């Protein structure tokens, strides 16, 4: 069967930025646009709404300059309005060449928001399309509230599309603006329009208010849609838009006759970048990109993976640049422990493995998180050995934070028996601590790993003296790992997590201490 090409338009930088509290800087928008087009290989990007702000203009201008030099200008799109050419003038100054014109796709919106007749609206749209063509700008058209238009005023929608398909537009874009469609309705409505307008290029834009965004995308493609609008991490207003990662996986795995050009291996990298830039955390159980989705927790599952991959499905983590993990906790079995020991290059006999497994289960019962990097400590404790001797110790520290003065830290750290004392300032107490630590390590010509994530958690309902858990994610070469610290003081818990990192990452037996 001959496959058909499906366009993917990413609207993270426009519709996704309507996520509450999210605003990307100029450099962040440019970086995301570059990754979307060059690494993820989406077909198009919608990067902004015209006339929003000076910052938005500068971001679009920067993207347009880069896109023009690298052959992507025709893939950069901006939302515009029927406003007598004001949006088009804004686009011309910014240097972009494709407008996504916002129009009314339901009689309800047209009547009560614009207070105009269909013919008045159509005349204004025709004028906006002509103005764009004269300015050398291509036009796609959004039918805002199209889904409710199909439900409650289908004759208006058909009348509008009869008019629109006679205009010089590239794409007709059908948004489920309020996220109200069921999968059955999505298929029914798009199939009907596909049959009536076989030559038109139709895009579908799904929202996720009922958590049906991905299901509706699947049905839209089955019904013959030509393009999809998606966002990284499902970002967007209210419950967000259809998530790009899930939609791509579903299309690739369930629709053999459809071809998309997305580079799956770049999905996770782009997802984490958008998470960092937006400040919106990815839920741990979010398909494809969540922290837990490739983690086996039950011991029986780890055992099954050792026996012909009994608990694998087609969503292999390697497709998305990730690795399968085996969680440690109260449901862990020996197979989970063995999988994690393999990561560390360690092996235990059967009796010792049972003891370590039992301790991990006990910690899980106490709701303590156990990571692969915790295992050497647990082994040393349970087996009463010196299998993991801490060769690097933060022996003492003084942290200061005074109004009007930069935070500072004075530390004493012992590396293989040699004590180093350093003092440094920073943007916060922990930053000052890390700056002092970096100075101590620099004297031994050792580079610390990069800190890539810092997360503090206090149990809900706790009082002000509650223990807080600080989890820090580090990057050393091509390896990323996390360490945890527990203390009633947030900075102290971070220092404890850092000391764990120092002993994990460095092969301290090979450290040659330089006397001070």
Protein backbone atom coordinates (compact mmCIF):
# COMPACT_ATOMS: atom_id res chain seq x y z
CA UNK A 1 0.00 0.00 0.00
CA UNK A 2 1.36 3.41 -0.97
CA UNK A 3 1.83 5.66 2.06
CA UNK A 4 0.60 9.24 2.21
CA UNK A 5 2.61 12.11 3.67
CA UNK A 6 1.21 13.79 6.76
CA UNK A 7 2.42 17.28 7.71
CA UNK A 8 3.28 18.07 11.33
CA UNK A 9 3.03 21.69 12.43
CA UNK A 10 4.36 22.44 15.91
CA UNK A 11 2.68 25.32 17.71
CA UNK A 12 4.55 25.18 21.04
CA UNK A 13 5.86 28.70 20.54
CA UNK A 14 2.42 30.17 19.82
CA UNK A 15 -0.45 28.13 21.25
CA UNK A 16 1.83 26.32 23.71
CA UNK A 17 3.04 29.63 25.12
CA UNK A 18 -0.56 30.30 26.16
CA UNK A 19 0.06 27.86 29.00
CA UNK A 20 -0.59 29.82 32.19
CA UNK A 21 2.58 31.48 33.48
CA UNK A 22 4.75 30.62 30.45
CA UNK A 23 6.69 33.21 28.47
CA UNK A 24 9.73 32.32 26.38
CA UNK A 25 12.55 34.79 25.89
CA UNK A 26 13.86 35.74 22.45
CA UNK A 27 16.83 33.38 22.70
CA UNK A 28 14.66 30.56 24.04
CA UNK A 29 12.19 30.91 21.18
CA UNK A 30 14.99 30.89 18.64
CA UNK A 31 16.63 27.82 20.19
CA UNK A 32 13.35 25.88 20.31
CA UNK A 33 12.49 26.79 16.72
CA UNK A 34 15.92 25.64 15.54
CA UNK A 35 15.62 22.30 17.36
CA UNK A 36 12.09 21.71 16.11
CA UNK A 37 13.04 22.25 12.47
CA UNK A 38 16.59 20.89 12.37
CA UNK A 39 16.64 18.09 14.97
CA UNK A 40 13.03 16.99 15.42
CA UNK A 41 12.31 17.73 11.75
CA UNK A 42 8.74 19.01 12.01
CA UNK A 43 7.40 20.37 8.73
CA UNK A 44 6.29 23.77 10.04
CA UNK A 45 6.42 25.87 13.19
CA UNK A 46 3.90 28.45 14.35
CA UNK A 47 6.04 30.83 16.36
CA UNK A 48 3.86 33.73 17.58
CA UNK A 49 0.76 35.86 17.33
CA UNK A 50 1.18 39.15 15.49
CA UNK A 51 1.02 42.45 17.39
CA UNK A 52 1.35 40.90 20.87
CA UNK A 53 4.45 42.68 22.21
CA UNK A 54 7.84 44.12 21.34
CA UNK A 55 9.49 41.01 22.77
CA UNK A 56 7.37 38.82 20.54
CA UNK A 57 8.36 40.90 17.53
CA UNK A 58 12.06 40.57 18.36
CA UNK A 59 11.71 36.79 18.73
CA UNK A 60 9.93 36.42 15.38
CA UNK A 61 12.48 38.68 13.70
CA UNK A 62 15.35 36.57 15.09
CA UNK A 63 13.69 33.33 13.96
CA UNK A 64 12.97 34.77 10.51
CA UNK A 65 16.58 35.91 10.08
CA UNK A 66 17.90 32.47 11.00
CA UNK A 67 15.27 30.66 8.91
CA UNK A 68 16.00 32.82 5.87
CA UNK A 69 19.71 31.96 6.01
CA UNK A 70 19.06 28.24 6.50
CA UNK A 71 16.23 27.54 4.06
CA UNK A 72 13.37 27.32 6.56
CA UNK A 73 11.56 30.64 6.01
CA UNK A 74 8.61 28.97 4.28
CA UNK A 75 8.14 26.76 7.37
CA UNK A 76 7.78 29.66 9.84
CA UNK A 77 4.20 30.82 10.46
CA UNK A 78 2.52 33.55 12.50
CA UNK A 79 -1.08 33.86 13.71
CA UNK A 80 -2.72 36.97 12.25
CA UNK A 81 -6.06 38.73 12.45
CA UNK A 82 -8.63 40.28 10.12
CA UNK A 83 -7.54 43.81 10.96
CA UNK A 84 -7.23 45.86 7.76
CA UNK A 85 -3.60 44.89 7.17
CA UNK A 86 -2.14 45.75 10.60
CA UNK A 87 -0.99 42.14 11.20
CA UNK A 88 0.48 41.94 7.70
CA UNK A 89 2.52 45.10 8.23
CA UNK A 90 3.83 43.60 11.48
CA UNK A 91 4.81 40.42 9.61
CA UNK A 92 6.59 42.37 6.88
CA UNK A 93 8.69 44.22 9.45
CA UNK A 94 9.54 40.92 11.17
CA UNK A 95 10.43 39.23 7.89
CA UNK A 96 8.09 36.21 7.95
CA UNK A 97 6.21 34.98 4.89
CA UNK A 98 3.31 32.77 6.05
CA UNK A 99 0.23 33.99 7.91
CA UNK A 100 -2.27 31.80 9.74
CA UNK A 101 -5.35 34.02 9.53
CA UNK A 102 -7.76 33.67 12.47
CA UNK A 103 -11.40 33.63 11.38
CA UNK A 104 -14.69 32.41 12.77
CA UNK A 105 -15.59 28.74 12.25
CA UNK A 106 -18.94 28.78 14.05
CA UNK A 107 -22.02 30.91 13.58
CA UNK A 108 -22.17 31.39 17.35
CA UNK A 109 -18.76 33.10 17.46
CA UNK A 110 -19.47 35.11 14.33
CA UNK A 111 -22.84 36.38 15.58
CA UNK A 112 -21.99 37.11 19.21
CA UNK A 113 -18.33 38.10 19.07
CA UNK A 114 -18.00 39.88 15.74
CA UNK A 115 -21.70 40.77 15.36
CA UNK A 116 -21.44 40.36 11.59
CA UNK A 117 -23.18 38.40 8.86
CA UNK A 118 -21.38 35.56 7.09
CA UNK A 119 -21.08 37.64 3.92
CA UNK A 120 -19.54 40.58 5.76
CA UNK A 121 -16.99 38.22 7.33
CA UNK A 122 -16.22 36.54 4.02
CA UNK A 123 -15.66 39.89 2.30
CA UNK A 124 -13.18 40.97 4.98
CA UNK A 125 -11.36 37.63 4.76
CA UNK A 126 -11.08 37.91 0.96
CA UNK A 127 -9.58 41.36 1.40
CA UNK A 128 -7.03 40.05 3.97
CA UNK A 129 -6.00 37.26 1.59
CA UNK A 130 -5.55 39.68 -1.32
CA UNK A 131 -3.50 42.08 0.84
CA UNK A 132 -1.26 39.17 1.90
CA UNK A 133 -0.68 38.04 -1.66
CA UNK A 134 0.26 41.59 -2.67
CA UNK A 135 2.78 41.66 0.19
CA UNK A 136 4.30 38.32 -0.86
CA UNK A 137 2.81 36.52 2.15
CA UNK A 138 1.16 33.08 1.83
CA UNK A 139 -2.10 32.44 3.68
CA UNK A 140 -3.44 29.57 5.77
CA UNK A 141 -6.82 30.08 7.45
CA UNK A 142 -7.96 29.03 10.95
CA UNK A 143 -11.68 28.35 11.50
CA UNK A 144 -11.87 29.20 15.21
CA UNK A 145 -14.45 27.09 17.12
CA UNK A 146 -14.83 24.85 14.04
CA UNK A 147 -15.79 21.83 16.17
CA UNK A 148 -18.79 23.61 17.68
CA UNK A 149 -19.55 24.99 14.25
CA UNK A 150 -19.88 21.42 12.92
CA UNK A 151 -22.09 20.48 15.87
CA UNK A 152 -24.42 23.46 15.92
CA UNK A 153 -24.13 25.33 12.60
CA UNK A 154 -22.88 22.88 9.95
CA UNK A 155 -24.54 24.79 7.12
CA UNK A 156 -22.50 27.88 8.01
CA UNK A 157 -19.28 25.82 8.02
CA UNK A 158 -20.07 24.34 4.61
CA UNK A 159 -21.02 27.76 3.24
CA UNK A 160 -17.75 29.16 4.56
CA UNK A 161 -15.66 26.34 3.07
CA UNK A 162 -17.40 26.69 -0.28
CA UNK A 163 -16.21 30.30 -0.25
CA UNK A 164 -12.75 29.56 1.18
CA UNK A 165 -11.80 26.77 -1.23
CA UNK A 166 -12.25 29.28 -4.05
CA UNK A 167 -9.65 31.59 -2.48
CA UNK A 168 -5.85 31.44 -2.94
CA UNK A 169 -5.12 29.81 0.43
CA UNK A 170 -2.67 26.99 1.11
CA UNK A 171 -4.29 25.30 4.10
CA UNK A 172 -7.64 25.26 5.87
CA UNK A 173 -7.08 24.66 9.59
CA UNK A 174 -9.80 23.04 11.69
CA UNK A 175 -9.37 23.61 15.43
CA UNK A 176 -11.26 21.89 18.23
CA UNK A 177 -10.81 25.19 20.06
CA UNK A 178 -12.51 24.16 23.30
CA UNK A 179 -11.46 20.50 23.24
CA UNK A 180 -15.04 19.22 23.07
CA UNK A 181 -14.89 16.58 20.33
CA UNK A 182 -15.15 12.84 20.83
CA UNK A 183 -13.09 10.55 18.60
CA UNK A 184 -16.27 9.49 16.78
CA UNK A 185 -17.25 13.08 16.03
CA UNK A 186 -13.71 13.93 14.91
CA UNK A 187 -13.76 11.13 12.36
CA UNK A 188 -17.30 11.91 11.22
CA UNK A 189 -16.75 15.64 10.69
CA UNK A 190 -13.37 15.39 8.97
CA UNK A 191 -14.47 12.50 6.75
CA UNK A 192 -17.46 14.57 5.63
CA UNK A 193 -15.30 17.56 4.73
CA UNK A 194 -12.71 15.33 3.08
CA UNK A 195 -15.40 13.88 0.81
CA UNK A 196 -16.87 17.28 -0.06
CA UNK A 197 -13.54 19.10 -0.54
CA UNK A 198 -11.13 16.42 -1.81
CA UNK A 199 -8.58 18.90 -3.18
CA UNK A 200 -8.36 21.11 -0.08
CA UNK A 201 -5.42 20.77 2.32
CA UNK A 202 -7.03 20.27 5.75
CA UNK A 203 -5.19 20.59 9.10
CA UNK A 204 -6.57 19.43 12.47
CA UNK A 205 -5.78 21.28 15.70
CA UNK A 206 -6.77 19.30 18.82
CA UNK A 207 -7.09 20.45 22.42
CA UNK A 208 -7.05 18.07 25.37
CA UNK A 209 -9.79 19.21 27.74
CA UNK A 210 -11.33 15.72 28.02
CA UNK A 211 -7.92 14.00 27.66
CA UNK A 212 -8.99 12.91 24.17
CA UNK A 213 -6.42 14.92 22.19
CA UNK A 214 -4.33 11.97 21.02
CA UNK A 215 -7.39 9.81 20.32
CA UNK A 216 -8.90 12.61 18.24
CA UNK A 217 -5.63 13.02 16.33
CA UNK A 218 -5.66 9.31 15.49
CA UNK A 219 -9.24 9.52 14.16
CA UNK A 220 -8.49 12.69 12.21
CA UNK A 221 -5.64 10.95 10.40
CA UNK A 222 -7.81 7.90 9.70
CA UNK A 223 -10.45 10.23 8.24
CA UNK A 224 -7.96 11.71 5.78
CA UNK A 225 -6.58 14.86 7.39
CA UNK A 226 -3.51 16.35 5.67
CA UNK A 227 -1.80 17.99 8.63
CA UNK A 228 -1.75 18.04 12.43
CA UNK A 229 -1.02 20.82 14.92
CA UNK A 230 0.80 19.54 18.03
CA UNK A 231 2.82 20.93 20.94
CA UNK A 232 5.83 19.66 22.86
CA UNK A 233 4.70 18.16 26.20
CA UNK A 234 1.09 18.95 25.26
CA UNK A 235 1.56 22.57 26.34
CA UNK A 236 -1.32 24.95 25.74
CA UNK A 237 -4.21 26.82 27.27
CA UNK A 238 -6.35 25.07 29.91
CA UNK A 239 -5.62 21.32 29.64
CA UNK A 240 -3.24 21.91 26.74
CA UNK A 241 -3.01 20.70 23.15
CA UNK A 242 -2.52 17.25 21.67
CA UNK A 243 1.03 16.20 22.71
CA UNK A 244 3.53 15.75 19.91
CA UNK A 245 5.33 12.74 21.44
CA UNK A 246 2.17 10.66 21.89
CA UNK A 247 0.73 11.60 18.51
CA UNK A 248 3.96 10.67 16.71
CA UNK A 249 4.20 7.30 18.47
CA UNK A 250 0.55 6.47 17.75
CA UNK A 251 0.84 7.37 14.06
CA UNK A 252 4.08 5.45 13.59
CA UNK A 253 2.82 2.33 15.36
CA UNK A 254 -0.82 2.13 14.28
CA UNK A 255 -1.06 3.72 10.83
CA UNK A 256 1.15 1.85 8.39
CA UNK A 257 -0.12 3.83 5.39
CA UNK A 258 0.89 7.22 6.82
CA UNK A 259 4.36 8.71 6.65
CA UNK A 260 5.71 11.47 8.89
CA UNK A 261 9.22 12.88 8.90
CA UNK A 262 9.66 13.27 12.66
CA UNK A 263 12.98 12.16 14.16
CA UNK A 264 11.76 10.16 17.17
CA UNK A 265 15.21 10.02 18.77
CA UNK A 266 15.14 13.83 19.29
CA UNK A 267 11.75 13.91 21.04
CA UNK A 268 13.05 13.51 24.59
CA UNK A 269 15.83 16.08 24.18
CA UNK A 270 13.42 18.71 22.86
CA UNK A 271 10.88 17.79 25.54
CA UNK A 272 13.37 18.36 28.37
CA UNK A 273 14.58 21.62 26.84
CA UNK A 274 11.01 22.95 26.66
CA UNK A 275 10.43 21.80 30.25
CA UNK A 276 13.49 23.76 31.40
CA UNK A 277 12.66 26.89 29.40
CA UNK A 278 8.97 26.92 30.34
CA UNK A 279 9.32 25.89 33.98
CA UNK A 280 6.36 23.53 33.49
CA UNK A 281 7.26 20.11 34.89
CA UNK A 282 6.56 17.01 32.83
CA UNK A 283 4.35 14.62 34.84
CA UNK A 284 6.34 11.51 35.75
CA UNK A 285 3.74 9.27 34.10
CA UNK A 286 3.37 11.28 30.87
CA UNK A 287 3.67 8.87 27.93
CA UNK A 288 6.99 8.80 26.05
CA UNK A 289 8.68 11.68 27.93
CA UNK A 290 7.74 11.18 31.62
CA UNK A 291 10.43 10.06 34.06
CA UNK A 292 8.62 6.84 34.97
CA UNK A 293 7.25 5.59 31.66
CA UNK A 294 10.19 3.31 30.89
CA UNK A 295 10.66 2.20 34.49
CA UNK A 296 9.64 -1.30 35.60
CA UNK A 297 8.69 -1.33 39.27
CA UNK A 298 7.38 -4.81 40.06
CA UNK A 299 10.01 -7.49 40.53
CA UNK A 300 8.02 -9.92 38.40
CA UNK A 301 8.32 -7.51 35.46
CA UNK A 302 12.09 -7.26 35.77
CA UNK A 303 12.23 -11.06 35.96
CA UNK A 304 10.05 -11.29 32.84
CA UNK A 305 12.34 -8.90 30.98
CA UNK A 306 15.18 -11.33 31.66
CA UNK A 307 13.08 -14.11 30.13
CA UNK A 308 12.49 -13.17 26.49
CA UNK A 309 11.43 -9.56 27.22
CA UNK A 310 7.97 -10.63 28.36
CA UNK A 311 7.01 -7.13 29.52
CA UNK A 312 8.22 -5.11 26.52
CA UNK A 313 5.90 -3.43 24.01
CA UNK A 314 6.63 -1.53 20.80
CA UNK A 315 7.36 1.65 22.78
CA UNK A 316 11.01 0.79 23.28
CA UNK A 317 12.83 3.60 25.11
CA UNK A 318 15.74 3.51 22.67
CA UNK A 319 13.41 4.85 19.96
CA UNK A 320 13.20 8.11 21.88
CA UNK A 321 16.80 8.35 23.05
CA UNK A 322 16.05 6.84 26.46
CA UNK A 323 16.87 3.73 28.52
CA UNK A 324 14.75 1.26 30.46
CA UNK A 325 15.09 1.50 34.24
CA UNK A 326 14.16 -0.77 37.12
CA UNK A 327 12.78 0.98 40.18
CA UNK A 328 13.88 0.18 43.69
CA UNK A 329 11.24 0.09 46.40
CA UNK A 330 8.85 -2.10 48.33
CA UNK A 331 7.71 -4.01 45.24
CA UNK A 332 11.28 -4.72 44.13
CA UNK A 333 12.42 -8.28 43.67
CA UNK A 334 15.88 -9.71 43.26
CA UNK A 335 15.66 -9.17 39.51
CA UNK A 336 15.24 -5.39 40.01
CA UNK A 337 18.26 -5.29 42.31
CA UNK A 338 20.36 -7.31 39.89
CA UNK A 339 19.45 -5.02 36.98
CA UNK A 340 20.58 -1.98 38.97
CA UNK A 341 23.76 -3.67 40.21
CA UNK A 342 24.65 -4.40 36.60
CA UNK A 343 24.49 -0.64 35.94
CA UNK A 344 27.13 -0.19 38.65
CA UNK A 345 29.26 -3.13 37.57
CA UNK A 346 28.58 -4.95 40.86
CA UNK A 347 27.61 -8.56 41.54
CA UNK A 348 26.48 -10.20 44.81
CA UNK A 349 26.08 -13.83 45.79
CA UNK A 350 22.58 -15.18 46.35
CA UNK A 351 22.58 -14.77 50.13
CA UNK A 352 23.87 -11.18 50.07
CA UNK A 353 21.45 -10.30 47.28
CA UNK A 354 18.53 -11.44 49.47
CA UNK A 355 19.74 -9.24 52.34
CA UNK A 356 20.09 -6.16 50.14
CA UNK A 357 16.70 -6.81 48.53
CA UNK A 358 15.07 -6.99 51.96
CA UNK A 359 16.62 -3.66 53.00
CA UNK A 360 15.41 -1.96 49.81
CA UNK A 361 11.89 -3.28 50.49
CA UNK A 362 12.04 -1.97 54.08
CA UNK A 363 13.07 1.48 52.85
CA UNK A 364 10.23 1.42 50.32
CA UNK A 365 7.74 0.63 53.09
CA UNK A 366 8.91 3.81 54.80
CA UNK A 367 8.19 5.76 51.58
CA UNK A 368 11.88 6.46 51.04
CA UNK A 369 13.07 6.77 47.47
CA UNK A 370 15.94 4.46 46.55
CA UNK A 371 18.08 5.08 43.47
CA UNK A 372 20.74 3.00 41.73
CA UNK A 373 23.37 5.30 43.19
CA UNK A 374 22.15 4.48 46.73
CA UNK A 375 22.93 0.77 46.36
CA UNK A 376 26.63 0.91 47.31
CA UNK A 377 25.68 2.64 50.58
CA UNK A 378 22.99 0.05 51.27
CA UNK A 379 25.41 -2.80 50.53
CA UNK A 380 28.01 -1.37 52.91
CA UNK A 381 25.39 -0.94 55.63
CA UNK A 382 23.60 -4.28 55.26
CA UNK A 383 26.68 -6.42 54.78
CA UNK A 384 28.76 -4.48 57.34
CA UNK A 385 31.57 -4.11 54.83
CA UNK A 386 33.67 -1.24 53.55
CA UNK A 387 32.51 -1.90 50.01
CA UNK A 388 31.74 1.79 49.65
CA UNK A 389 34.08 3.96 51.63
CA UNK A 390 33.48 7.66 51.37
CA UNK A 391 36.82 9.03 50.22
CA UNK A 392 35.50 12.56 49.86
CA UNK A 393 33.96 14.26 52.90
CA UNK A 394 32.55 17.74 53.36
CA UNK A 395 33.81 18.08 56.92
CA UNK A 396 32.53 21.54 57.78
CA UNK A 397 30.99 24.64 56.29
CA UNK A 398 29.76 28.09 57.22
CA UNK A 399 26.95 29.54 55.13
CA UNK A 400 25.97 33.22 55.37
CA UNK A 401 23.08 35.16 53.94
CA UNK A 402 22.67 38.79 54.96
CA UNK A 403 20.51 41.52 53.48
CA UNK A 404 22.50 43.72 51.14
CA UNK A 405 25.42 41.28 50.91
CA UNK A 406 26.06 38.40 48.52
CA UNK A 407 25.61 34.94 50.08
CA UNK A 408 28.92 33.25 50.92
CA UNK A 409 30.27 29.88 51.98
CA UNK A 410 33.45 28.75 53.73
CA UNK A 411 34.02 25.01 53.43
CA UNK A 412 36.49 22.34 54.48
CA UNK A 413 36.48 19.29 52.21
CA UNK A 414 38.72 16.24 52.63
CA UNK A 415 39.83 14.50 49.43
CA UNK A 416 41.65 11.21 50.03
CA UNK A 417 42.80 12.40 53.43
CA UNK A 418 43.96 15.85 52.35
CA UNK A 419 41.96 18.79 53.73
CA UNK A 420 41.15 21.82 51.59
CA UNK A 421 39.57 25.04 52.84
CA UNK A 422 37.98 27.56 50.48
CA UNK A 423 35.74 30.62 50.61
CA UNK A 424 33.45 31.84 47.82
CA UNK A 425 30.39 33.96 47.13
CA UNK A 426 27.40 33.07 44.97
CA UNK A 427 23.86 33.92 43.96
CA UNK A 428 22.57 31.80 46.85
CA UNK A 429 24.01 29.77 49.70
CA UNK A 430 24.17 26.54 47.68
CA UNK A 431 25.66 28.36 44.69
CA UNK A 432 28.32 29.82 47.01
CA UNK A 433 28.98 26.33 48.39
CA UNK A 434 29.41 24.92 44.87
CA UNK A 435 31.73 27.78 43.91
CA UNK A 436 33.93 27.06 46.93
CA UNK A 437 33.89 23.33 46.14
CA UNK A 438 34.87 24.05 42.55
CA UNK A 439 37.85 26.04 43.79
CA UNK A 440 39.00 23.13 45.96
CA UNK A 441 38.69 20.69 43.11
CA UNK A 442 40.44 23.00 40.67
CA UNK A 443 43.58 22.73 42.82
CA UNK A 444 43.55 19.00 42.03
CA UNK A 445 42.81 19.60 38.35
CA UNK A 446 39.42 17.85 38.68
CA UNK A 447 36.24 19.07 37.00
CA UNK A 448 32.91 18.66 38.73
CA UNK A 449 29.89 17.36 36.76
CA UNK A 450 27.24 19.79 35.57
CA UNK A 451 24.12 20.34 37.67
CA UNK A 452 21.15 19.92 35.30
CA UNK A 453 18.17 19.78 37.69
CA UNK A 454 17.48 20.64 41.33
CA UNK A 455 14.26 19.61 43.02
CA UNK A 456 13.18 20.10 46.64
CA UNK A 457 10.25 18.19 48.10
CA UNK A 458 8.53 18.52 51.46
CA UNK A 459 5.79 16.09 52.39
CA UNK A 460 2.31 17.71 52.03
CA UNK A 461 0.82 18.78 55.35
CA UNK A 462 4.20 18.92 57.10
CA UNK A 463 5.11 21.65 59.59
CA UNK A 464 7.98 24.11 59.27
CA UNK A 465 10.45 21.70 60.93
CA UNK A 466 9.72 18.91 58.43
CA UNK A 467 12.50 17.08 56.67
CA UNK A 468 12.97 18.17 53.10
CA UNK A 469 14.36 15.95 50.37
CA UNK A 470 16.61 17.54 47.77
CA UNK A 471 17.18 15.59 44.57
CA UNK A 472 19.90 16.88 42.25
CA UNK A 473 20.45 15.58 38.73
CA UNK A 474 24.02 15.67 37.45
CA UNK A 475 25.59 15.21 34.05
CA UNK A 476 29.08 13.76 33.73
CA UNK A 477 30.19 13.05 30.18
CA UNK A 478 27.43 11.00 28.57
CA UNK A 479 26.01 9.88 31.92
CA UNK A 480 23.12 11.50 33.78
CA UNK A 481 22.25 10.45 37.35
CA UNK A 482 20.55 11.76 40.49
CA UNK A 483 21.53 11.94 44.15
CA UNK A 484 19.36 12.75 47.17
CA UNK A 485 19.91 14.42 50.50
CA UNK A 486 17.58 14.57 53.51
CA UNK A 487 17.65 17.25 56.20
CA UNK A 488 15.41 19.78 57.91
CA UNK A 489 17.45 22.53 56.19
CA UNK A 490 17.09 22.76 52.43
CA UNK A 491 20.68 23.86 51.74
CA UNK A 492 22.12 21.18 54.03
CA UNK A 493 20.07 18.51 52.25
CA UNK A 494 21.52 19.76 48.96
CA UNK A 495 25.04 19.55 50.38
CA UNK A 496 24.38 15.95 51.46
CA UNK A 497 23.19 15.12 47.95
CA UNK A 498 26.33 16.77 46.56
CA UNK A 499 28.64 14.73 48.80
CA UNK A 500 27.01 11.56 47.48
CA UNK A 501 27.68 12.76 43.96
CA UNK A 502 31.34 13.41 44.73
CA UNK A 503 31.87 9.84 45.88
CA UNK A 504 29.86 8.32 43.03
CA UNK A 505 31.25 10.21 40.07
CA UNK A 506 34.95 10.33 40.83
CA UNK A 507 37.29 7.38 40.76
CA UNK A 508 38.87 8.64 43.97
CA UNK A 509 41.44 5.84 44.11
CA UNK A 510 43.11 7.58 41.17
CA UNK A 511 42.93 11.09 42.60
CA UNK A 512 46.35 12.47 43.27
CA UNK A 513 45.98 15.02 46.04
CA UNK A 514 48.11 18.10 45.50
CA UNK A 515 49.39 19.37 48.88
CA UNK A 516 48.42 22.93 49.75
